[in-house]
Every structure is written in C-alpha cells, then in structure tokens.
PDB file of N, CA and C in Angstrom:
ATOM      1  N   MET A   1     188.261 151.402 -40.779  1.00  0.00           N
ATOM      2  CA  MET A   1     187.936 151.278 -39.373  1.00  0.00           C
ATOM      3  C   MET A   1     186.860 152.309 -39.036  1.00  0.00           C
ATOM      4  N   HIS A   2     185.636 151.827 -38.820  1.00  0.00           N
ATOM      5  CA  HIS A   2     184.519 152.714 -38.528  1.00  0.00           C
ATOM      6  C   HIS A   2     184.643 153.354 -37.146  1.00  0.00           C
ATOM      7  N   GLY A   3     185.321 152.679 -36.250  1.00  0.00           N
ATOM      8  CA  GLY A   3     185.519 153.213 -34.909  1.00  0.00           C
ATOM      9  C   GLY A   3     186.292 154.518 -34.930  1.00  0.00           C
ATOM     10  N   LEU A   4     187.191 154.676 -35.873  1.00  0.00           N
ATOM     11  CA  LEU A   4     187.965 155.906 -35.982  1.00  0.00           C
ATOM     12  C   LEU A   4     187.058 157.084 -36.311  1.00  0.00           C
ATOM     13  N   ALA A   5     186.152 156.911 -37.246  1.00  0.00           N
ATOM     14  CA  ALA A   5     185.211 157.985 -37.605  1.00  0.00           C
ATOM     15  C   ALA A   5     184.332 158.336 -36.414  1.00  0.00           C
ATOM     16  N   TRP A   6     183.856 157.305 -35.703  1.00  0.00           N
ATOM     17  CA  TRP A   6     183.003 157.561 -34.551  1.00  0.00           C
ATOM     18  C   TRP A   6     183.774 158.314 -33.470  1.00  0.00           C
ATOM     19  N   MET A   7     185.012 157.902 -33.206  1.00  0.00           N
ATOM     20  CA  MET A   7     185.812 158.559 -32.173  1.00  0.00           C
ATOM     21  C   MET A   7     186.163 159.996 -32.559  1.00  0.00           C
ATOM     22  N   LYS A   8     186.312 160.285 -33.852  1.00  0.00           N
ATOM     23  CA  LYS A   8     186.551 161.670 -34.281  1.00  0.00           C
ATOM     24  C   LYS A   8     185.344 162.535 -33.941  1.00  0.00           C
ATOM     25  N   GLU A   9     184.141 161.999 -34.127  1.00  0.00           N
ATOM     26  CA  GLU A   9     182.933 162.738 -33.751  1.00  0.00           C
ATOM     27  C   GLU A   9     182.886 162.968 -32.247  1.00  0.00           C
ATOM     28  N   VAL A  10     183.261 161.956 -31.475  1.00  0.00           N
ATOM     29  CA  VAL A  10     183.286 162.083 -30.022  1.00  0.00           C
ATOM     30  C   VAL A  10     184.286 163.164 -29.610  1.00  0.00           C
ATOM     31  N   LEU A  11     185.446 163.165 -30.228  1.00  0.00           N
ATOM     32  CA  LEU A  11     186.448 164.177 -29.917  1.00  0.00           C
ATOM     33  C   LEU A  11     185.904 165.577 -30.195  1.00  0.00           C
ATOM     34  N   GLY A  12     185.177 165.746 -31.288  1.00  0.00           N
ATOM     35  CA  GLY A  12     184.566 167.040 -31.586  1.00  0.00           C
ATOM     36  C   GLY A  12     183.587 167.462 -30.503  1.00  0.00           C
ATOM     37  N   GLU A  13     182.784 166.522 -30.009  1.00  0.00           N
ATOM     38  CA  GLU A  13     181.841 166.824 -28.928  1.00  0.00           C
ATOM     39  C   GLU A  13     182.587 167.183 -27.641  1.00  0.00           C
ATOM     40  N   ILE A  14     183.653 166.463 -27.358  1.00  0.00           N
ATOM     41  CA  ILE A  14     184.444 166.742 -26.158  1.00  0.00           C
ATOM     42  C   ILE A  14     185.056 168.140 -26.241  1.00  0.00           C
ATOM     43  N   GLU A  15     185.627 168.480 -27.396  1.00  0.00           N
ATOM     44  CA  GLU A  15     186.246 169.797 -27.556  1.00  0.00           C
ATOM     45  C   GLU A  15     185.211 170.904 -27.403  1.00  0.00           C
ATOM     46  N   ALA A  16     184.023 170.715 -27.964  1.00  0.00           N
ATOM     47  CA  ALA A  16     182.967 171.727 -27.848  1.00  0.00           C
ATOM     48  C   ALA A  16     182.520 171.879 -26.392  1.00  0.00           C
ATOM     49  N   ALA A  17     182.315 170.744 -25.716  1.00  0.00           N
ATOM     50  CA  ALA A  17     181.891 170.782 -24.313  1.00  0.00           C
ATOM     51  C   ALA A  17     182.977 171.393 -23.432  1.00  0.00           C
ATOM     52  N   SER A  18     184.232 171.103 -23.734  1.00  0.00           N
ATOM     53  CA  SER A  18     185.349 171.640 -22.952  1.00  0.00           C
ATOM     54  C   SER A  18     185.437 173.151 -23.089  1.00  0.00           C
ATOM     55  N   THR A  19     185.206 173.644 -24.291  1.00  0.00           N
ATOM     56  CA  THR A  19     185.225 175.087 -24.530  1.00  0.00           C
ATOM     57  C   THR A  19     184.111 175.765 -23.736  1.00  0.00           C
ATOM     58  N   CYS A  20     182.916 175.194 -23.790  1.00  0.00           N
ATOM     59  CA  CYS A  20     181.772 175.760 -23.060  1.00  0.00           C
ATOM     60  C   CYS A  20     181.990 175.729 -21.552  1.00  0.00           C
ATOM     61  N   SER A  21     182.686 174.726 -21.063  1.00  0.00           N
ATOM     62  CA  SER A  21     182.899 174.559 -19.625  1.00  0.00           C
ATOM     63  C   SER A  21     184.180 175.212 -19.134  1.00  0.00           C
ATOM     64  N   GLY A  22     184.983 175.736 -20.034  1.00  0.00           N
ATOM     65  CA  GLY A  22     186.231 176.377 -19.649  1.00  0.00           C
ATOM     66  C   GLY A  22     187.335 175.420 -19.238  1.00  0.00           C
ATOM     67  N   LEU A  23     187.266 174.190 -19.711  1.00  0.00           N
ATOM     68  CA  LEU A  23     188.314 173.222 -19.381  1.00  0.00           C
ATOM     69  C   LEU A  23     189.562 173.494 -20.210  1.00  0.00           C
ATOM     70  N   GLU A  24     190.706 173.356 -19.584  1.00  0.00           N
ATOM     71  CA  GLU A  24     191.966 173.518 -20.289  1.00  0.00           C
ATOM     72  C   GLU A  24     192.576 172.177 -20.677  1.00  0.00           C
ATOM     73  N   LYS A  25     192.170 171.142 -19.945  1.00  0.00           N
ATOM     74  CA  LYS A  25     192.752 169.827 -20.155  1.00  0.00           C
ATOM     75  C   LYS A  25     191.719 168.767 -19.768  1.00  0.00           C
ATOM     76  N   VAL A  26     191.514 167.791 -20.626  1.00  0.00           N
ATOM     77  CA  VAL A  26     190.632 166.667 -20.326  1.00  0.00           C
ATOM     78  C   VAL A  26     191.517 165.533 -19.810  1.00  0.00           C
ATOM     79  N   ILE A  27     191.138 164.968 -18.667  1.00  0.00           N
ATOM     80  CA  ILE A  27     191.965 163.914 -18.080  1.00  0.00           C
ATOM     81  C   ILE A  27     191.319 162.530 -18.147  1.00  0.00           C
ATOM     82  N   LYS A  28     190.002 162.506 -18.374  1.00  0.00           N
ATOM     83  CA  LYS A  28     189.317 161.212 -18.435  1.00  0.00           C
ATOM     84  C   LYS A  28     188.071 161.326 -19.312  1.00  0.00           C
ATOM     85  N   VAL A  29     187.891 160.334 -20.177  1.00  0.00           N
ATOM     86  CA  VAL A  29     186.711 160.246 -21.035  1.00  0.00           C
ATOM     87  C   VAL A  29     186.088 158.876 -20.804  1.00  0.00           C
ATOM     88  N   THR A  30     184.774 158.873 -20.552  1.00  0.00           N
ATOM     89  CA  THR A  30     184.079 157.612 -20.299  1.00  0.00           C
ATOM     90  C   THR A  30     183.051 157.360 -21.394  1.00  0.00           C
ATOM     91  N   LEU A  31     183.130 156.169 -21.965  1.00  0.00           N
ATOM     92  CA  LEU A  31     182.167 155.718 -22.965  1.00  0.00           C
ATOM     93  C   LEU A  31     181.399 154.536 -22.395  1.00  0.00           C
ATOM     94  N   ARG A  32     180.184 154.333 -22.884  1.00  0.00           N
ATOM     95  CA  ARG A  32     179.421 153.122 -22.563  1.00  0.00           C
ATOM     96  C   ARG A  32     179.213 152.371 -23.866  1.00  0.00           C
ATOM     97  N   ARG A  33     179.697 151.122 -23.895  1.00  0.00           N
ATOM     98  CA  ARG A  33     179.631 150.287 -25.097  1.00  0.00           C
ATOM     99  C   ARG A  33     178.731 149.091 -24.848  1.00  0.00           C
ATOM    100  N   GLY A  34     177.717 148.959 -25.664  1.00  0.00           N
ATOM    101  CA  GLY A  34     176.820 147.824 -25.547  1.00  0.00           C
ATOM    102  C   GLY A  34     177.496 146.531 -25.959  1.00  0.00           C
ATOM    103  N   GLU A  35     177.123 145.463 -25.320  1.00  0.00           N
ATOM    104  CA  GLU A  35     177.687 144.136 -25.574  1.00  0.00           C
ATOM    105  C   GLU A  35     177.614 143.755 -27.059  1.00  0.00           C
ATOM    106  N   LEU A  36     176.572 144.190 -27.741  1.00  0.00           N
ATOM    107  CA  LEU A  36     176.396 143.851 -29.151  1.00  0.00           C
ATOM    108  C   LEU A  36     176.750 145.020 -30.080  1.00  0.00           C
ATOM    109  N   SER A  37     177.493 145.987 -29.585  1.00  0.00           N
ATOM    110  CA  SER A  37     177.909 147.130 -30.396  1.00  0.00           C
ATOM    111  C   SER A  37     178.754 146.655 -31.574  1.00  0.00           C
ATOM    112  N   HIS A  38     178.702 147.414 -32.644  1.00  0.00           N
ATOM    113  CA  HIS A  38     179.495 147.077 -33.829  1.00  0.00           C
ATOM    114  C   HIS A  38     180.986 147.364 -33.627  1.00  0.00           C
ATOM    115  N   HIS A  39     181.325 148.119 -32.594  1.00  0.00           N
ATOM    116  CA  HIS A  39     182.716 148.505 -32.357  1.00  0.00           C
ATOM    117  C   HIS A  39     183.270 147.749 -31.156  1.00  0.00           C
ATOM    118  N   SER A  40     184.381 147.066 -31.347  1.00  0.00           N
ATOM    119  CA  SER A  40     185.004 146.352 -30.235  1.00  0.00           C
ATOM    120  C   SER A  40     185.744 147.341 -29.336  1.00  0.00           C
ATOM    121  N   GLN A  41     185.991 146.925 -28.108  1.00  0.00           N
ATOM    122  CA  GLN A  41     186.735 147.769 -27.183  1.00  0.00           C
ATOM    123  C   GLN A  41     188.128 148.059 -27.738  1.00  0.00           C
ATOM    124  N   GLU A  42     188.769 147.064 -28.322  1.00  0.00           N
ATOM    125  CA  GLU A  42     190.110 147.238 -28.868  1.00  0.00           C
ATOM    126  C   GLU A  42     190.126 148.264 -29.997  1.00  0.00           C
ATOM    127  N   GLU A  43     189.112 148.209 -30.863  1.00  0.00           N
ATOM    128  CA  GLU A  43     189.010 149.160 -31.973  1.00  0.00           C
ATOM    129  C   GLU A  43     188.868 150.588 -31.448  1.00  0.00           C
ATOM    130  N   LEU A  44     188.040 150.777 -30.429  1.00  0.00           N
ATOM    131  CA  LEU A  44     187.831 152.108 -29.861  1.00  0.00           C
ATOM    132  C   LEU A  44     189.091 152.624 -29.177  1.00  0.00           C
ATOM    133  N   GLU A  45     189.776 151.756 -28.455  1.00  0.00           N
ATOM    134  CA  GLU A  45     191.012 152.162 -27.774  1.00  0.00           C
ATOM    135  C   GLU A  45     192.089 152.568 -28.781  1.00  0.00           C
ATOM    136  N   LEU A  46     192.222 151.801 -29.852  1.00  0.00           N
ATOM    137  CA  LEU A  46     193.199 152.133 -30.887  1.00  0.00           C
ATOM    138  C   LEU A  46     192.856 153.468 -31.548  1.00  0.00           C
ATOM    139  N   ALA A  47     191.600 153.652 -31.881  1.00  0.00           N
ATOM    140  CA  ALA A  47     191.168 154.903 -32.503  1.00  0.00           C
ATOM    141  C   ALA A  47     191.430 156.086 -31.562  1.00  0.00           C
ATOM    142  N   TRP A  48     191.131 155.906 -30.279  1.00  0.00           N
ATOM    143  CA  TRP A  48     191.340 156.973 -29.297  1.00  0.00           C
ATOM    144  C   TRP A  48     192.811 157.365 -29.241  1.00  0.00           C
ATOM    145  N   ASP A  49     193.692 156.384 -29.202  1.00  0.00           N
ATOM    146  CA  ASP A  49     195.124 156.668 -29.146  1.00  0.00           C
ATOM    147  C   ASP A  49     195.599 157.426 -30.390  1.00  0.00           C
ATOM    148  N   LEU A  50     194.987 157.160 -31.533  1.00  0.00           N
ATOM    149  CA  LEU A  50     195.371 157.835 -32.775  1.00  0.00           C
ATOM    150  C   LEU A  50     194.884 159.276 -32.854  1.00  0.00           C
ATOM    151  N   ILE A  51     193.660 159.531 -32.402  1.00  0.00           N
ATOM    152  CA  ILE A  51     193.076 160.862 -32.619  1.00  0.00           C
ATOM    153  C   ILE A  51     193.336 161.862 -31.509  1.00  0.00           C
ATOM    154  N   LYS A  52     193.712 161.427 -30.331  1.00  0.00           N
ATOM    155  CA  LYS A  52     193.838 162.369 -29.225  1.00  0.00           C
ATOM    156  C   LYS A  52     195.143 163.175 -29.233  1.00  0.00           C
ATOM    157  N   LYS A  53     196.094 162.773 -30.051  1.00  0.00           N
ATOM    158  CA  LYS A  53     197.387 163.461 -30.096  1.00  0.00           C
ATOM    159  C   LYS A  53     197.205 164.930 -30.475  1.00  0.00           C
ATOM    160  N   ASP A  54     197.914 165.798 -29.756  1.00  0.00           N
ATOM    161  CA  ASP A  54     197.905 167.246 -30.000  1.00  0.00           C
ATOM    162  C   ASP A  54     196.513 167.863 -29.868  1.00  0.00           C
ATOM    163  N   THR A  55     195.686 167.311 -28.981  1.00  0.00           N
ATOM    164  CA  THR A  55     194.371 167.879 -28.686  1.00  0.00           C
ATOM    165  C   THR A  55     194.266 168.120 -27.186  1.00  0.00           C
ATOM    166  N   ILE A  56     193.157 168.672 -26.760  1.00  0.00           N
ATOM    167  CA  ILE A  56     192.901 168.884 -25.336  1.00  0.00           C
ATOM    168  C   ILE A  56     192.854 167.560 -24.573  1.00  0.00           C
ATOM    169  N   CYS A  57     192.693 166.477 -25.300  1.00  0.00           N
ATOM    170  CA  CYS A  57     192.583 165.126 -24.705  1.00  0.00           C
ATOM    171  C   CYS A  57     193.870 164.321 -24.778  1.00  0.00           C
ATOM    172  N   GLN A  58     194.979 164.941 -25.157  1.00  0.00           N
ATOM    173  CA  GLN A  58     196.185 164.159 -25.423  1.00  0.00           C
ATOM    174  C   GLN A  58     196.666 163.325 -24.245  1.00  0.00           C
ATOM    175  N   HIS A  59     196.349 163.737 -23.020  1.00  0.00           N
ATOM    176  CA  HIS A  59     196.772 162.960 -21.850  1.00  0.00           C
ATOM    177  C   HIS A  59     195.599 162.251 -21.168  1.00  0.00           C
ATOM    178  N   ALA A  60     194.439 162.305 -21.770  1.00  0.00           N
ATOM    179  CA  ALA A  60     193.242 161.720 -21.156  1.00  0.00           C
ATOM    180  C   ALA A  60     193.230 160.207 -21.283  1.00  0.00           C
ATOM    181  N   ILE A  61     192.761 159.579 -20.230  1.00  0.00           N
ATOM    182  CA  ILE A  61     192.560 158.130 -20.290  1.00  0.00           C
ATOM    183  C   ILE A  61     191.146 157.863 -20.796  1.00  0.00           C
ATOM    184  N   LEU A  62     190.987 156.741 -21.449  1.00  0.00           N
ATOM    185  CA  LEU A  62     189.690 156.328 -21.960  1.00  0.00           C
ATOM    186  C   LEU A  62     189.183 155.164 -21.110  1.00  0.00           C
ATOM    187  N   VAL A  63     187.986 155.321 -20.563  1.00  0.00           N
ATOM    188  CA  VAL A  63     187.343 154.265 -19.787  1.00  0.00           C
ATOM    189  C   VAL A  63     186.123 153.815 -20.576  1.00  0.00           C
ATOM    190  N   ILE A  64     186.032 152.519 -20.808  1.00  0.00           N
ATOM    191  CA  ILE A  64     184.891 151.972 -21.543  1.00  0.00           C
ATOM    192  C   ILE A  64     184.106 151.066 -20.615  1.00  0.00           C
ATOM    193  N   GLU A  65     182.873 151.505 -20.312  1.00  0.00           N
ATOM    194  CA  GLU A  65     181.976 150.702 -19.486  1.00  0.00           C
ATOM    195  C   GLU A  65     181.187 149.781 -20.407  1.00  0.00           C
ATOM    196  N   GLU A  66     181.043 148.543 -20.008  1.00  0.00           N
ATOM    197  CA  GLU A  66     180.296 147.579 -20.808  1.00  0.00           C
ATOM    198  C   GLU A  66     178.840 147.526 -20.356  1.00  0.00           C
ATOM    199  N   GLU A  67     177.926 147.588 -21.310  1.00  0.00           N
ATOM    200  CA  GLU A  67     176.503 147.481 -21.030  1.00  0.00           C
ATOM    201  C   GLU A  67     176.010 146.136 -21.558  1.00  0.00           C
ATOM    202  N   PRO A  68     175.373 145.335 -20.707  1.00  0.00           N
ATOM    203  CA  PRO A  68     174.895 144.037 -21.180  1.00  0.00           C
ATOM    204  C   PRO A  68     173.731 144.185 -22.161  1.00  0.00           C
ATOM    205  N   ALA A  69     173.622 143.233 -23.056  1.00  0.00           N
ATOM    206  CA  ALA A  69     172.489 143.193 -23.985  1.00  0.00           C
ATOM    207  C   ALA A  69     171.329 142.493 -23.282  1.00  0.00           C
ATOM    208  N   LEU A  70     170.168 143.110 -23.318  1.00  0.00           N
ATOM    209  CA  LEU A  70     168.985 142.548 -22.695  1.00  0.00           C
ATOM    210  C   LEU A  70     167.878 142.354 -23.711  1.00  0.00           C
ATOM    211  N   ILE A  71     167.088 141.302 -23.486  1.00  0.00           N
ATOM    212  CA  ILE A  71     165.909 141.071 -24.313  1.00  0.00           C
ATOM    213  C   ILE A  71     164.675 141.128 -23.413  1.00  0.00           C
ATOM    214  N   ARG A  72     163.533 141.451 -24.025  1.00  0.00           N
ATOM    215  CA  ARG A  72     162.281 141.540 -23.272  1.00  0.00           C
ATOM    216  C   ARG A  72     161.148 141.002 -24.137  1.00  0.00           C
ATOM    217  N   CYS A  73     160.229 140.332 -23.491  1.00  0.00           N
ATOM    218  CA  CYS A  73     159.023 139.866 -24.181  1.00  0.00           C
ATOM    219  C   CYS A  73     157.958 140.943 -23.999  1.00  0.00           C
ATOM    220  N   PRO A  74     157.515 141.585 -25.083  1.00  0.00           N
ATOM    221  CA  PRO A  74     156.497 142.627 -24.942  1.00  0.00           C
ATOM    222  C   PRO A  74     155.142 142.064 -24.514  1.00  0.00           C
ATOM    223  N   ALA A  75     154.924 140.770 -24.705  1.00  0.00           N
ATOM    224  CA  ALA A  75     153.638 140.170 -24.342  1.00  0.00           C
ATOM    225  C   ALA A  75     153.482 140.010 -22.832  1.00  0.00           C
ATOM    226  N   CYS A  76     154.543 139.536 -22.151  1.00  0.00           N
ATOM    227  CA  CYS A  76     154.412 139.272 -20.713  1.00  0.00           C
ATOM    228  C   CYS A  76     155.379 140.069 -19.846  1.00  0.00           C
ATOM    229  N   GLY A  77     156.350 140.785 -20.459  1.00  0.00           N
ATOM    230  CA  GLY A  77     157.290 141.604 -19.696  1.00  0.00           C
ATOM    231  C   GLY A  77     158.530 140.885 -19.219  1.00  0.00           C
ATOM    232  N   TRP A  78     158.663 139.597 -19.508  1.00  0.00           N
ATOM    233  CA  TRP A  78     159.838 138.828 -19.091  1.00  0.00           C
ATOM    234  C   TRP A  78     161.103 139.441 -19.690  1.00  0.00           C
ATOM    235  N   GLU A  79     162.172 139.561 -18.894  1.00  0.00           N
ATOM    236  CA  GLU A  79     163.463 140.090 -19.350  1.00  0.00           C
ATOM    237  C   GLU A  79     164.572 139.119 -19.009  1.00  0.00           C
ATOM    238  N   ALA A  80     165.609 139.134 -19.852  1.00  0.00           N
ATOM    239  CA  ALA A  80     166.777 138.277 -19.616  1.00  0.00           C
ATOM    240  C   ALA A  80     167.965 138.842 -20.372  1.00  0.00           C
ATOM    241  N   GLY A  81     169.137 138.307 -20.064  1.00  0.00           N
ATOM    242  CA  GLY A  81     170.322 138.652 -20.826  1.00  0.00           C
ATOM    243  C   GLY A  81     170.204 138.109 -22.239  1.00  0.00           C
ATOM    244  N   TRP A  82     170.974 138.683 -23.148  1.00  0.00           N
ATOM    245  CA  TRP A  82     170.921 138.308 -24.562  1.00  0.00           C
ATOM    246  C   TRP A  82     171.112 136.813 -24.744  1.00  0.00           C
ATOM    247  N   GLN A  83     170.289 136.256 -25.587  1.00  0.00           N
ATOM    248  CA  GLN A  83     170.412 134.875 -26.034  1.00  0.00           C
ATOM    249  C   GLN A  83     169.845 134.813 -27.438  1.00  0.00           C
ATOM    250  N   SER A  84     170.284 133.861 -28.202  1.00  0.00           N
ATOM    251  CA  SER A  84     169.872 133.816 -29.604  1.00  0.00           C
ATOM    252  C   SER A  84     168.443 133.318 -29.797  1.00  0.00           C
ATOM    253  N   ASP A  85     167.867 132.692 -28.775  1.00  0.00           N
ATOM    254  CA  ASP A  85     166.482 132.233 -28.873  1.00  0.00           C
ATOM    255  C   ASP A  85     165.563 133.452 -28.809  1.00  0.00           C
ATOM    256  N   LEU A  86     164.729 133.631 -29.812  1.00  0.00           N
ATOM    257  CA  LEU A  86     163.892 134.825 -29.880  1.00  0.00           C
ATOM    258  C   LEU A  86     162.471 134.609 -29.381  1.00  0.00           C
ATOM    259  N   LEU A  87     162.251 133.518 -28.656  1.00  0.00           N
ATOM    260  CA  LEU A  87     160.929 133.267 -28.084  1.00  0.00           C
ATOM    261  C   LEU A  87     160.996 133.392 -26.566  1.00  0.00           C
ATOM    262  N   CYS A  88     159.925 133.870 -25.981  1.00  0.00           N
ATOM    263  CA  CYS A  88     159.838 134.052 -24.532  1.00  0.00           C
ATOM    264  C   CYS A  88     159.983 132.709 -23.826  1.00  0.00           C
ATOM    265  N   CYS A  89     160.767 132.691 -22.774  1.00  0.00           N
ATOM    266  CA  CYS A  89     160.989 131.459 -22.001  1.00  0.00           C
ATOM    267  C   CYS A  89     159.919 131.250 -20.939  1.00  0.00           C
ATOM    268  N   GLN A  90     158.977 132.160 -20.829  1.00  0.00           N
ATOM    269  CA  GLN A  90     157.942 132.033 -19.808  1.00  0.00           C
ATOM    270  C   GLN A  90     156.701 131.297 -20.311  1.00  0.00           C
ATOM    271  N   GLY A  91     156.740 130.833 -21.547  1.00  0.00           N
ATOM    272  CA  GLY A  91     155.649 130.032 -22.062  1.00  0.00           C
ATOM    273  C   GLY A  91     154.509 130.804 -22.706  1.00  0.00           C
ATOM    274  N   CYS A  92     154.614 132.128 -22.809  1.00  0.00           N
ATOM    275  CA  CYS A  92     153.520 132.891 -23.407  1.00  0.00           C
ATOM    276  C   CYS A  92     153.569 132.841 -24.933  1.00  0.00           C
ATOM    277  N   GLY A  93     154.716 132.411 -25.480  1.00  0.00           N
ATOM    278  CA  GLY A  93     154.847 132.295 -26.928  1.00  0.00           C
ATOM    279  C   GLY A  93     155.219 133.590 -27.630  1.00  0.00           C
ATOM    280  N   GLY A  94     155.433 134.663 -26.866  1.00  0.00           N
ATOM    281  CA  GLY A  94     155.780 135.950 -27.470  1.00  0.00           C
ATOM    282  C   GLY A  94     157.192 135.954 -28.030  1.00  0.00           C
ATOM    283  N   ARG A  95     157.394 136.770 -29.071  1.00  0.00           N
ATOM    284  CA  ARG A  95     158.742 136.966 -29.621  1.00  0.00           C
ATOM    285  C   ARG A  95     159.400 138.092 -28.848  1.00  0.00           C
ATOM    286  N   VAL A  96     160.626 137.868 -28.421  1.00  0.00           N
ATOM    287  CA  VAL A  96     161.319 138.880 -27.629  1.00  0.00           C
ATOM    288  C   VAL A  96     161.901 139.964 -28.526  1.00  0.00           C
ATOM    289  N   GLU A  97     162.175 141.120 -27.915  1.00  0.00           N
ATOM    290  CA  GLU A  97     162.819 142.218 -28.628  1.00  0.00           C
ATOM    291  C   GLU A  97     164.070 142.626 -27.866  1.00  0.00           C
ATOM    292  N   LEU A  98     165.050 143.107 -28.585  1.00  0.00           N
ATOM    293  CA  LEU A  98     166.294 143.576 -27.983  1.00  0.00           C
ATOM    294  C   LEU A  98     166.032 144.958 -27.403  1.00  0.00           C
ATOM    295  N   VAL A  99     166.308 145.160 -26.111  1.00  0.00           N
ATOM    296  CA  VAL A  99     166.017 146.440 -25.468  1.00  0.00           C
ATOM    297  C   VAL A  99     167.263 147.222 -25.066  1.00  0.00           C
ATOM    298  N   SER A 100     168.416 146.583 -25.024  1.00  0.00           N
ATOM    299  CA  SER A 100     169.656 147.303 -24.736  1.00  0.00           C
ATOM    300  C   SER A 100     170.840 146.463 -25.178  1.00  0.00           C
ATOM    301  N   GLY A 101     171.988 147.130 -25.272  1.00  0.00           N
ATOM    302  CA  GLY A 101     173.217 146.407 -25.572  1.00  0.00           C
ATOM    303  C   GLY A 101     173.826 146.691 -26.922  1.00  0.00           C
ATOM    304  N   THR A 102     173.226 147.611 -27.702  1.00  0.00           N
ATOM    305  CA  THR A 102     173.801 147.944 -29.003  1.00  0.00           C
ATOM    306  C   THR A 102     174.340 149.370 -29.054  1.00  0.00           C
ATOM    307  N   ASP A 103     174.105 150.146 -28.015  1.00  0.00           N
ATOM    308  CA  ASP A 103     174.491 151.556 -28.019  1.00  0.00           C
ATOM    309  C   ASP A 103     175.983 151.763 -27.826  1.00  0.00           C
ATOM    310  N   LEU A 104     176.415 152.922 -28.252  1.00  0.00           N
ATOM    311  CA  LEU A 104     177.758 153.405 -27.990  1.00  0.00           C
ATOM    312  C   LEU A 104     177.582 154.875 -27.654  1.00  0.00           C
ATOM    313  N   GLN A 105     177.905 155.259 -26.411  1.00  0.00           N
ATOM    314  CA  GLN A 105     177.615 156.608 -25.939  1.00  0.00           C
ATOM    315  C   GLN A 105     178.798 157.227 -25.222  1.00  0.00           C
ATOM    316  N   LEU A 106     178.928 158.526 -25.377  1.00  0.00           N
ATOM    317  CA  LEU A 106     179.841 159.308 -24.556  1.00  0.00           C
ATOM    318  C   LEU A 106     179.069 159.647 -23.291  1.00  0.00           C
ATOM    319  N   VAL A 107     179.533 159.172 -22.146  1.00  0.00           N
ATOM    320  CA  VAL A 107     178.780 159.376 -20.905  1.00  0.00           C
ATOM    321  C   VAL A 107     179.495 160.260 -19.895  1.00  0.00           C
ATOM    322  N   GLY A 108     180.768 160.580 -20.108  1.00  0.00           N
ATOM    323  CA  GLY A 108     181.445 161.417 -19.132  1.00  0.00           C
ATOM    324  C   GLY A 108     182.740 162.019 -19.647  1.00  0.00           C
ATOM    325  N   ILE A 109     182.966 163.251 -19.203  1.00  0.00           N
ATOM    326  CA  ILE A 109     184.212 163.971 -19.497  1.00  0.00           C
ATOM    327  C   ILE A 109     184.686 164.569 -18.178  1.00  0.00           C
ATOM    328  N   GLN A 110     185.931 164.314 -17.840  1.00  0.00           N
ATOM    329  CA  GLN A 110     186.508 164.892 -16.632  1.00  0.00           C
ATOM    330  C   GLN A 110     187.714 165.713 -17.022  1.00  0.00           C
ATOM    331  N   GLY A 111     187.781 166.931 -16.520  1.00  0.00           N
ATOM    332  CA  GLY A 111     188.907 167.783 -16.880  1.00  0.00           C
ATOM    333  C   GLY A 111     189.203 168.835 -15.835  1.00  0.00           C
ATOM    334  N   ILE A 112     190.204 169.639 -16.141  1.00  0.00           N
ATOM    335  CA  ILE A 112     190.602 170.725 -15.242  1.00  0.00           C
ATOM    336  C   ILE A 112     190.753 172.005 -16.046  1.00  0.00           C
TER     337      ILE A 112
END
C-alpha cells in the first residue's frame, strides 16, 4: 500500500510543524487529493487510521478535499474538466495537457 508510505511522510511533516509551532495536540489534518491521484480516499483514510496511533495526531480527524482534474489547450487556452479526448474541442486542433488533478498535498494542520 503506497498510501501508507506517503501518509508516514505526512505524519513526519506534521510532527515537525507541530514542534515548531508549539502544538501539543493536532485535532484536524486537511489533505487535497486530485481526482486522478494514484491514492484513493479510502486508501488514505485507512493509512491515516493505522499511523496516527500513539502520536500527536492520535485524535485528529482527516479531511480530504477533492480537486477536479482539468485539461487545457496550450494553443488557444480552452479549459475543461478531465475527459479522455486529448484534442481541443474549440476546433483549433491543439492537443490538450493535464493542468491539475493529480496532486496529493498536505494543506492544513489544526491543533492546540
């Protein structure tokens, strides 16, 4: 499960940030997951439940925000939600590029 390795790295970042900020307890962690991310929401939630035990995050809830996948035609600037057709729908004939929707990011830590 690759999500477990990724979440362990996130936990390390949270612990480091918590130490620098003087937090004693993390109560909420927010991630942003792209629609086309390699990690499913279920995989991340399971990994989080496994790794947070006996850490500063043991009682923290995990919030996963979904980011839509977007494509853009570099020739004319047309943008749309992800679709498997890789040609611009505006008739310019340009090949579209994926501009968002594959990232997985730690975007927020809330604690006391």
